[in-house]
């Protein structure tokens, strides 16, 4: 089974009501394994909250990929690095 992928920027909040990408979060919930993983990551600024309508994801200063049981979360830097070409 392929997990849905949600790509967000650091310093962002995504809820089931967020246009376009929020649709992925509708009706999702955290498993015990997900909760243990998030608890182990408690020093990061990644917060997943269960709502009646699905998951809310709040990202602070965190970049990387987090695999939950029902979702793959990819967090990209908010600032894009532009390369100077000669």
C-alpha atoms as a PDB file:
ATOM      1  CA  UNK A   1       0.000   0.000   0.000  1.00  0.00           C
ATOM      2  CA  UNK A   2       1.321   3.407  -0.978  1.00  0.00           C
ATOM      3  CA  UNK A   3       0.897   6.106   1.631  1.00  0.00           C
ATOM      4  CA  UNK A   4      -0.418   9.513   0.620  1.00  0.00           C
ATOM      5  CA  UNK A   5       2.320  12.159   0.691  1.00  0.00           C
ATOM      6  CA  UNK A   6       1.787  15.614   2.157  1.00  0.00           C
ATOM      7  CA  UNK A   7       4.465  18.172   1.292  1.00  0.00           C
ATOM      8  CA  UNK A   8       4.528  21.260   3.524  1.00  0.00           C
ATOM      9  CA  UNK A   9       6.944  24.050   4.369  1.00  0.00           C
ATOM     10  CA  UNK A  10       8.490  24.554   7.763  1.00  0.00           C
ATOM     11  CA  UNK A  11       6.728  27.194   9.893  1.00  0.00           C
ATOM     12  CA  UNK A  12       3.315  26.211   8.509  1.00  0.00           C
ATOM     13  CA  UNK A  13       0.020  24.789   9.733  1.00  0.00           C
ATOM     14  CA  UNK A  14      -2.116  22.426   7.658  1.00  0.00           C
ATOM     15  CA  UNK A  15      -5.591  21.260   8.690  1.00  0.00           C
ATOM     16  CA  UNK A  16      -8.317  19.261   6.921  1.00  0.00           C
ATOM     17  CA  UNK A  17      -9.854  22.642   5.997  1.00  0.00           C
ATOM     18  CA  UNK A  18      -6.696  23.904   4.235  1.00  0.00           C
ATOM     19  CA  UNK A  19      -7.452  24.313   0.508  1.00  0.00           C
ATOM     20  CA  UNK A  20      -5.999  21.645  -1.804  1.00  0.00           C
ATOM     21  CA  UNK A  21      -3.502  19.798   0.455  1.00  0.00           C
ATOM     22  CA  UNK A  22      -5.787  19.634   3.509  1.00  0.00           C
ATOM     23  CA  UNK A  23      -7.937  17.042   1.753  1.00  0.00           C
ATOM     24  CA  UNK A  24      -5.245  14.423   2.505  1.00  0.00           C
ATOM     25  CA  UNK A  25      -5.701  14.976   6.264  1.00  0.00           C
ATOM     26  CA  UNK A  26      -9.461  14.418   6.338  1.00  0.00           C
ATOM     27  CA  UNK A  27     -10.593  11.489   8.499  1.00  0.00           C
ATOM     28  CA  UNK A  28      -7.021  10.526   9.475  1.00  0.00           C
ATOM     29  CA  UNK A  29      -6.095   9.678  13.050  1.00  0.00           C
ATOM     30  CA  UNK A  30      -2.922   8.732  14.915  1.00  0.00           C
ATOM     31  CA  UNK A  31      -2.160   5.141  15.870  1.00  0.00           C
ATOM     32  CA  UNK A  32      -0.369   4.222  19.088  1.00  0.00           C
ATOM     33  CA  UNK A  33       2.826   3.753  17.058  1.00  0.00           C
ATOM     34  CA  UNK A  34       2.402   7.229  15.539  1.00  0.00           C
ATOM     35  CA  UNK A  35       1.940   8.730  18.983  1.00  0.00           C
ATOM     36  CA  UNK A  36       5.071   6.986  20.284  1.00  0.00           C
ATOM     37  CA  UNK A  37       7.065   8.311  17.326  1.00  0.00           C
ATOM     38  CA  UNK A  38       5.809  11.853  17.871  1.00  0.00           C
ATOM     39  CA  UNK A  39       6.509  11.599  21.607  1.00  0.00           C
ATOM     40  CA  UNK A  40      10.075  10.501  20.816  1.00  0.00           C
ATOM     41  CA  UNK A  41      10.358  13.586  18.596  1.00  0.00           C
ATOM     42  CA  UNK A  42       9.117  15.869  21.365  1.00  0.00           C
ATOM     43  CA  UNK A  43      12.160  18.129  21.092  1.00  0.00           C
ATOM     44  CA  UNK A  44      11.207  19.056  17.536  1.00  0.00           C
ATOM     45  CA  UNK A  45       8.635  21.661  16.651  1.00  0.00           C
ATOM     46  CA  UNK A  46       6.353  19.222  14.832  1.00  0.00           C
ATOM     47  CA  UNK A  47       2.874  18.875  16.323  1.00  0.00           C
ATOM     48  CA  UNK A  48       0.096  16.574  15.111  1.00  0.00           C
ATOM     49  CA  UNK A  49      -3.316  17.079  16.675  1.00  0.00           C
ATOM     50  CA  UNK A  50      -6.346  14.864  16.161  1.00  0.00           C
ATOM     51  CA  UNK A  51      -9.482  16.782  15.258  1.00  0.00           C
ATOM     52  CA  UNK A  52     -12.980  15.489  14.584  1.00  0.00           C
ATOM     53  CA  UNK A  53     -12.417  16.174  10.896  1.00  0.00           C
ATOM     54  CA  UNK A  54      -8.911  14.643  10.701  1.00  0.00           C
ATOM     55  CA  UNK A  55      -5.334  15.619  11.539  1.00  0.00           C
ATOM     56  CA  UNK A  56      -3.912  19.088  12.056  1.00  0.00           C
ATOM     57  CA  UNK A  57      -0.177  19.413  11.441  1.00  0.00           C
ATOM     58  CA  UNK A  58       1.815  22.353  12.761  1.00  0.00           C
ATOM     59  CA  UNK A  59       5.461  22.576  11.758  1.00  0.00           C
ATOM     60  CA  UNK A  60       8.006  24.943  13.258  1.00  0.00           C
ATOM     61  CA  UNK A  61      11.728  24.723  12.669  1.00  0.00           C
ATOM     62  CA  UNK A  62      11.833  21.169  11.324  1.00  0.00           C
ATOM     63  CA  UNK A  63      12.914  19.819   7.945  1.00  0.00           C
ATOM     64  CA  UNK A  64      12.772  16.204   6.806  1.00  0.00           C
ATOM     65  CA  UNK A  65      10.430  13.280   6.279  1.00  0.00           C
ATOM     66  CA  UNK A  66       8.196  11.671   8.889  1.00  0.00           C
ATOM     67  CA  UNK A  67       6.430   8.403   8.089  1.00  0.00           C
ATOM     68  CA  UNK A  68       3.208   7.863  10.004  1.00  0.00           C
ATOM     69  CA  UNK A  69       1.009   4.802   9.608  1.00  0.00           C
ATOM     70  CA  UNK A  70      -1.411   6.581   7.259  1.00  0.00           C
ATOM     71  CA  UNK A  71       0.660   9.447   5.872  1.00  0.00           C
ATOM     72  CA  UNK A  72       4.147  10.397   4.703  1.00  0.00           C
ATOM     73  CA  UNK A  73       4.924  13.966   5.732  1.00  0.00           C
ATOM     74  CA  UNK A  74       7.656  15.786   3.789  1.00  0.00           C
ATOM     75  CA  UNK A  75       8.750  19.092   5.320  1.00  0.00           C
ATOM     76  CA  UNK A  76      10.717  21.425   3.084  1.00  0.00           C
ATOM     77  CA  UNK A  77      12.627  24.573   4.039  1.00  0.00           C
ATOM     78  CA  UNK A  78      10.572  27.738   3.877  1.00  0.00           C
ATOM     79  CA  UNK A  79      13.460  29.701   2.388  1.00  0.00           C
ATOM     80  CA  UNK A  80      14.489  28.641  -1.084  1.00  0.00           C
ATOM     81  CA  UNK A  81      18.162  28.807  -1.881  1.00  0.00           C
ATOM     82  CA  UNK A  82      18.848  30.443  -5.198  1.00  0.00           C
ATOM     83  CA  UNK A  83      22.051  29.607  -7.013  1.00  0.00           C
ATOM     84  CA  UNK A  84      24.014  32.321  -8.723  1.00  0.00           C
ATOM     85  CA  UNK A  85      25.060  31.405 -12.238  1.00  0.00           C
ATOM     86  CA  UNK A  86      28.025  33.038 -13.981  1.00  0.00           C
END
